[in-house]
Amino acid sequence: MKFRPCIDLHSGQVKQIVGSTLKDDPSGENDLATNFSTDRPAASFAEMYRKDKLTGGHVIMLGPGNTTAAKSALAAYPNGLQVGGGINTENAKEWLDAGASHVIVTSFVFHNGQIDMERLKQLVEITGKDRLVIDLSCRRKLNDPTGPYYVVTDRWQTYTDVKVDRDTLELLSNYCDEFLVHGVENEGKKCGILEDLVVLLGENSPISVTYAGGVKDVSDLDRVKVLGKGRVDLTIGSALDCFGGDIPYDEVIAWHNKENE
C-alpha cells in the first residue's frame, strides 16, 4: 500500500476544498468551502514529492485557469504525477507530452448517465491503457443513505446511473491502468474515511485503486490498509500539515517508506 500525494488547483492556486461544495456557476464561488489556500507554487509541492520519491500522485484542475500551474508541476516532476480535470480526446496527448505519467478522466467518458464506451475507446487509442486513470468519484443518493455509490461527474454535481460495484470495476479495468475514487461526501471534511467504500474497492478492483476522502489522522493509513487488504492506496489532502491540517507530512512519508521498504 502506498500514500499518493495530491495537488489540487483552483483558479491557479493550490487549494484544499470541500468537494461537495464545488459548483459550475461562477456566481456560486461564495458557496465554495475552502479549507486551505496558498501562494506557494504548485511546482514547489511537485518538487517536494519528487524529493520524497512519491509516485502516482495526482494534479487535479478544479475548473478553468489552472493550466499554467498544472504544467509547471508536471515540469518539476516529469512522469511522476498524473493530471486530471477536463481531460478529453482533444487534449490528452498534450498533457502526456507535458510530462504527466497518466491522464485522469471522468466526465468525458460518462454521457447521459451512462459509460460512453465509444469515447472511452477513442481516448484509449490516444493514451494507451497503461497511461489512463479513470476517476470513479462517487456518492450515495441523498434519499438512500445506505444504498449503492454512484459515479458523479461535472465537479461531482451530476449523478450518473453507474454504480461503483464489481461489474463496473471489472468492465472498466480493461481500459485503464488505475482507478481514482474520491468519497465525495467526506472529501475535504476530515471526518473519517468511508470504510464500506474502501472495503468494496479492496475486494472488487482488479487493478490499482486509490481512495481519497475524509482522512482525519495518521491511523487512517493503517485502517485503509486493513479494510482494503493492502490493495487500496490512500491520498490525504486537507488533513496534512502542508495543507493546513494536523497530520505531519513527514510522519506520513515515514509510514509510506516503512510500508514500501
Protein backbone atom coordinates (compact mmCIF):
# COMPACT_ATOMS: atom_id res chain seq x y z
CA MET A 1 0.00 0.00 0.00
CA LYS A 2 1.19 3.46 -0.90
CA PHE A 3 0.49 7.03 0.12
CA ARG A 4 -0.40 9.01 -3.00
CA PRO A 5 0.17 12.78 -2.83
CA CYS A 6 -2.03 15.40 -4.45
CA ILE A 7 -2.00 18.95 -5.78
CA ASP A 8 -5.49 20.41 -6.14
CA LEU A 9 -5.68 23.60 -8.20
CA HIS A 10 -8.47 26.16 -8.21
CA SER A 11 -8.15 29.46 -10.11
CA GLY A 12 -4.41 28.81 -10.49
CA GLN A 13 -3.74 28.38 -6.76
CA VAL A 14 -3.03 25.29 -4.69
CA LYS A 15 -6.12 24.82 -2.53
CA GLN A 16 -7.90 22.23 -0.46
CA ILE A 17 -11.67 22.50 -0.70
CA VAL A 18 -14.75 20.62 0.43
CA GLY A 19 -15.52 18.72 -2.76
CA SER A 20 -19.28 18.65 -2.37
CA THR A 21 -19.38 22.49 -2.42
CA LEU A 22 -17.96 22.78 -5.96
CA LYS A 23 -20.27 24.47 -8.44
CA ASP A 24 -20.05 25.19 -12.17
CA ASP A 25 -21.84 28.52 -11.76
CA PRO A 26 -19.24 31.28 -11.21
CA SER A 27 -21.75 33.13 -9.04
CA GLY A 28 -21.52 30.17 -6.66
CA GLU A 29 -17.92 30.97 -5.72
CA ASN A 30 -19.07 32.38 -2.40
CA ASP A 31 -20.54 28.98 -1.55
CA LEU A 32 -17.20 27.23 -2.04
CA ALA A 33 -15.90 25.88 1.27
CA THR A 34 -12.10 26.27 1.20
CA ASN A 35 -10.02 24.53 3.86
CA PHE A 36 -6.68 25.84 2.65
CA SER A 37 -5.22 28.20 0.09
CA THR A 38 -1.60 29.15 -0.52
CA ASP A 39 0.57 31.27 -2.78
CA ARG A 40 3.23 28.53 -2.68
CA PRO A 41 3.59 27.40 -6.31
CA ALA A 42 2.28 24.04 -7.46
CA ALA A 43 5.79 23.26 -8.74
CA SER A 44 7.14 23.54 -5.20
CA PHE A 45 4.82 20.78 -3.99
CA ALA A 46 5.77 18.67 -7.02
CA GLU A 47 9.46 19.10 -6.21
CA MET A 48 8.78 18.00 -2.63
CA TYR A 49 7.05 14.84 -3.84
CA ARG A 50 9.91 14.14 -6.25
CA LYS A 51 12.46 14.56 -3.46
CA ASP A 52 10.50 12.11 -1.30
CA LYS A 53 10.27 9.64 -4.21
CA LEU A 54 6.47 9.51 -4.11
CA THR A 55 4.89 8.12 -7.26
CA GLY A 56 1.35 8.01 -8.60
CA GLY A 57 0.21 11.31 -7.10
CA HIS A 58 -2.27 13.50 -8.91
CA VAL A 59 -2.68 17.10 -10.01
CA ILE A 60 -6.38 17.98 -10.26
CA MET A 61 -7.54 21.10 -12.08
CA LEU A 62 -10.80 22.23 -10.49
CA GLY A 63 -12.27 24.43 -13.20
CA PRO A 64 -10.58 26.93 -15.54
CA GLY A 65 -7.42 28.96 -15.02
CA ASN A 66 -5.18 26.12 -13.88
CA THR A 67 -3.29 25.08 -16.99
CA THR A 68 -0.11 27.05 -16.31
CA ALA A 69 0.15 25.91 -12.69
CA ALA A 70 -0.54 22.28 -13.63
CA LYS A 71 2.10 22.28 -16.38
CA SER A 72 4.65 23.81 -14.00
CA ALA A 73 4.03 20.97 -11.54
CA LEU A 74 4.46 18.34 -14.26
CA ALA A 75 7.67 20.02 -15.42
CA ALA A 76 9.02 19.90 -11.86
CA TYR A 77 8.37 16.14 -11.61
CA PRO A 78 8.29 14.67 -15.14
CA ASN A 79 6.43 11.33 -15.34
CA GLY A 80 5.90 11.43 -11.58
CA LEU A 81 2.38 12.86 -11.43
CA GLN A 82 -0.98 12.17 -13.03
CA VAL A 83 -3.20 15.03 -14.20
CA GLY A 84 -6.97 15.37 -14.30
CA GLY A 85 -9.69 17.95 -14.84
CA GLY A 86 -11.27 18.49 -18.23
CA ILE A 87 -9.29 15.71 -19.95
CA ASN A 88 -10.67 14.60 -23.33
CA THR A 89 -9.55 13.30 -26.72
CA GLU A 90 -8.54 16.81 -27.81
CA ASN A 91 -6.03 17.48 -25.02
CA ALA A 92 -4.95 14.12 -23.57
CA LYS A 93 -1.82 13.84 -25.70
CA GLU A 94 -0.85 17.43 -24.87
CA TRP A 95 -0.89 16.62 -21.15
CA LEU A 96 1.11 13.42 -21.58
CA ASP A 97 3.64 15.36 -23.66
CA ALA A 98 3.77 17.98 -20.88
CA GLY A 99 5.13 15.35 -18.51
CA ALA A 100 2.10 13.62 -16.96
CA SER A 101 2.62 9.92 -16.26
CA HIS A 102 -1.12 9.38 -16.78
CA VAL A 103 -4.21 11.41 -17.58
CA ILE A 104 -7.25 11.07 -15.32
CA VAL A 105 -10.69 11.14 -16.92
CA THR A 106 -14.22 11.31 -15.55
CA SER A 107 -16.89 13.45 -17.15
CA PHE A 108 -15.73 12.88 -20.75
CA VAL A 109 -16.40 9.13 -20.64
CA PHE A 110 -19.80 9.42 -18.97
CA HIS A 111 -22.66 10.70 -21.09
CA ASN A 112 -26.37 10.90 -20.32
CA GLY A 113 -25.78 8.99 -17.12
CA GLN A 114 -24.04 6.05 -18.79
CA ILE A 115 -20.50 4.97 -19.67
CA ASP A 116 -19.79 6.21 -23.20
CA MET A 117 -17.78 3.26 -24.48
CA GLU A 118 -17.11 4.91 -27.83
CA ARG A 119 -15.49 7.93 -26.18
CA LEU A 120 -13.55 5.69 -23.78
CA LYS A 121 -12.16 3.58 -26.63
CA GLN A 122 -11.19 6.74 -28.57
CA LEU A 123 -9.33 8.01 -25.52
CA VAL A 124 -7.51 4.69 -25.01
CA GLU A 125 -6.37 4.83 -28.65
CA ILE A 126 -4.62 8.11 -27.83
CA THR A 127 -3.22 7.38 -24.37
CA GLY A 128 -2.88 3.62 -24.31
CA LYS A 129 -4.45 1.64 -21.45
CA ASP A 130 -1.26 1.98 -19.41
CA ARG A 131 -1.43 5.79 -19.20
CA LEU A 132 -5.11 6.26 -18.42
CA VAL A 133 -6.72 6.55 -14.98
CA ILE A 134 -10.50 6.52 -14.64
CA ASP A 135 -11.87 8.65 -11.84
CA LEU A 136 -14.86 6.92 -10.26
CA SER A 137 -15.55 9.55 -7.64
CA CYS A 138 -18.91 8.70 -6.15
CA ARG A 139 -21.61 9.45 -3.65
CA ARG A 140 -24.82 7.91 -2.43
CA LYS A 141 -28.24 9.26 -3.36
CA LEU A 142 -29.46 11.65 -0.68
CA ASN A 143 -32.69 9.67 -0.28
CA ASP A 144 -30.82 6.37 0.07
CA PRO A 145 -28.04 6.87 2.65
CA THR A 146 -27.21 3.15 2.88
CA GLY A 147 -27.63 2.39 -0.82
CA PRO A 148 -25.06 1.98 -3.58
CA TYR A 149 -22.43 4.53 -4.53
CA TYR A 150 -23.00 6.17 -7.91
CA VAL A 151 -20.33 7.79 -10.08
CA VAL A 152 -20.74 11.59 -10.11
CA THR A 153 -19.43 13.93 -12.81
CA ASP A 154 -19.30 17.67 -13.61
CA ARG A 155 -17.43 18.71 -10.48
CA TRP A 156 -19.27 16.00 -8.55
CA GLN A 157 -22.67 17.65 -9.07
CA THR A 158 -24.26 15.25 -11.57
CA TYR A 159 -25.25 11.71 -10.65
CA THR A 160 -24.78 9.06 -13.33
CA ASP A 161 -26.66 5.75 -13.37
CA VAL A 162 -23.34 3.91 -12.97
CA LYS A 163 -22.88 2.11 -9.66
CA VAL A 164 -19.39 1.56 -8.25
CA ASP A 165 -19.54 -2.21 -7.91
CA ARG A 166 -17.75 -5.36 -9.04
CA ASP A 167 -19.26 -5.31 -12.55
CA THR A 168 -18.32 -1.68 -13.21
CA LEU A 169 -14.78 -2.13 -11.86
CA GLU A 170 -14.21 -5.29 -13.90
CA LEU A 171 -15.55 -3.73 -17.11
CA LEU A 172 -13.56 -0.50 -16.86
CA SER A 173 -10.36 -2.24 -15.74
CA ASN A 174 -9.99 -3.43 -19.33
CA TYR A 175 -9.48 0.16 -20.47
CA CYS A 176 -7.28 1.81 -17.85
CA ASP A 177 -4.23 1.35 -15.65
CA GLU A 178 -5.75 2.52 -12.35
CA PHE A 179 -8.84 3.92 -10.67
CA LEU A 180 -9.02 7.06 -8.55
CA VAL A 181 -12.01 7.20 -6.21
CA HIS A 182 -12.97 10.24 -4.15
CA GLY A 183 -15.57 9.57 -1.48
CA VAL A 184 -17.33 12.83 -2.28
CA GLU A 185 -19.49 13.08 0.84
CA ASN A 186 -16.41 13.07 3.08
CA GLU A 187 -13.96 14.80 0.73
CA GLY A 188 -12.27 17.72 2.48
CA LYS A 189 -14.22 17.28 5.71
CA LYS A 190 -11.60 15.41 7.80
CA CYS A 191 -14.47 13.42 9.30
CA GLY A 192 -13.15 9.90 8.71
CA ILE A 193 -12.96 7.66 5.67
CA LEU A 194 -15.90 5.91 4.03
CA GLU A 195 -14.98 2.48 5.36
CA ASP A 196 -17.52 0.49 3.34
CA LEU A 197 -16.27 2.10 0.12
CA VAL A 198 -12.66 1.18 0.92
CA VAL A 199 -13.77 -2.43 1.60
CA LEU A 200 -15.69 -2.51 -1.69
CA LEU A 201 -12.65 -1.29 -3.62
CA GLY A 202 -10.26 -3.69 -1.91
CA GLU A 203 -12.48 -6.67 -2.60
CA ASN A 204 -13.53 -5.85 -6.15
CA SER A 205 -10.95 -3.79 -8.06
CA PRO A 206 -8.83 -5.95 -10.40
CA ILE A 207 -6.30 -3.11 -10.86
CA SER A 208 -4.57 -0.47 -8.72
CA VAL A 209 -7.01 1.86 -6.98
CA THR A 210 -6.52 5.00 -4.86
CA TYR A 211 -9.08 6.20 -2.34
CA ALA A 212 -9.37 9.83 -1.21
CA GLY A 213 -11.77 11.50 1.17
CA GLY A 214 -12.19 12.20 4.86
CA VAL A 215 -8.84 11.17 6.34
CA LYS A 216 -8.64 12.72 9.82
CA ASP A 217 -5.49 11.29 11.43
CA VAL A 218 -2.49 9.11 10.67
CA SER A 219 -4.24 5.98 11.97
CA ASP A 220 -6.43 6.09 8.85
CA LEU A 221 -3.42 4.84 6.87
CA ASP A 222 -3.45 1.60 8.87
CA ARG A 223 -7.25 1.49 8.71
CA VAL A 224 -7.25 1.67 4.92
CA LYS A 225 -4.51 -0.96 4.80
CA VAL A 226 -6.65 -3.37 6.83
CA LEU A 227 -10.01 -2.61 5.22
CA GLY A 228 -8.57 -2.56 1.70
CA LYS A 229 -6.44 -5.68 2.32
CA GLY A 230 -3.33 -3.74 1.29
CA ARG A 231 -4.76 -3.29 -2.21
CA VAL A 232 -6.10 0.28 -1.85
CA ASP A 233 -3.71 3.24 -1.88
CA LEU A 234 -4.59 6.43 0.00
CA THR A 235 -4.49 10.14 -0.78
CA ILE A 236 -4.53 12.65 2.08
CA GLY A 237 -5.27 16.30 1.37
CA SER A 238 -6.77 18.76 3.85
CA ALA A 239 -5.62 16.80 6.90
CA LEU A 240 -1.89 17.17 6.08
CA ASP A 241 0.07 19.93 7.80
CA CYS A 242 1.42 21.14 4.44
CA PHE A 243 -2.22 21.90 3.56
CA GLY A 244 -3.10 23.45 6.91
CA GLY A 245 -4.13 20.26 8.70
CA ASP A 246 -2.82 18.41 11.76
CA ILE A 247 -1.17 15.30 10.29
CA PRO A 248 2.59 15.78 9.90
CA TYR A 249 3.56 15.21 6.27
CA ASP A 250 6.89 13.78 7.46
CA GLU A 251 5.05 11.20 9.56
CA VAL A 252 3.07 10.05 6.54
CA ILE A 253 6.28 9.80 4.49
CA ALA A 254 7.87 7.70 7.25
CA TRP A 255 4.82 5.38 7.25
CA HIS A 256 4.94 5.08 3.46
CA ASN A 257 8.68 4.35 3.39
CA LYS A 258 8.39 1.67 6.08
CA GLU A 259 5.47 0.09 4.23
CA ASN A 260 7.35 0.03 0.92
CA GLU A 261 10.85 -0.99 2.04
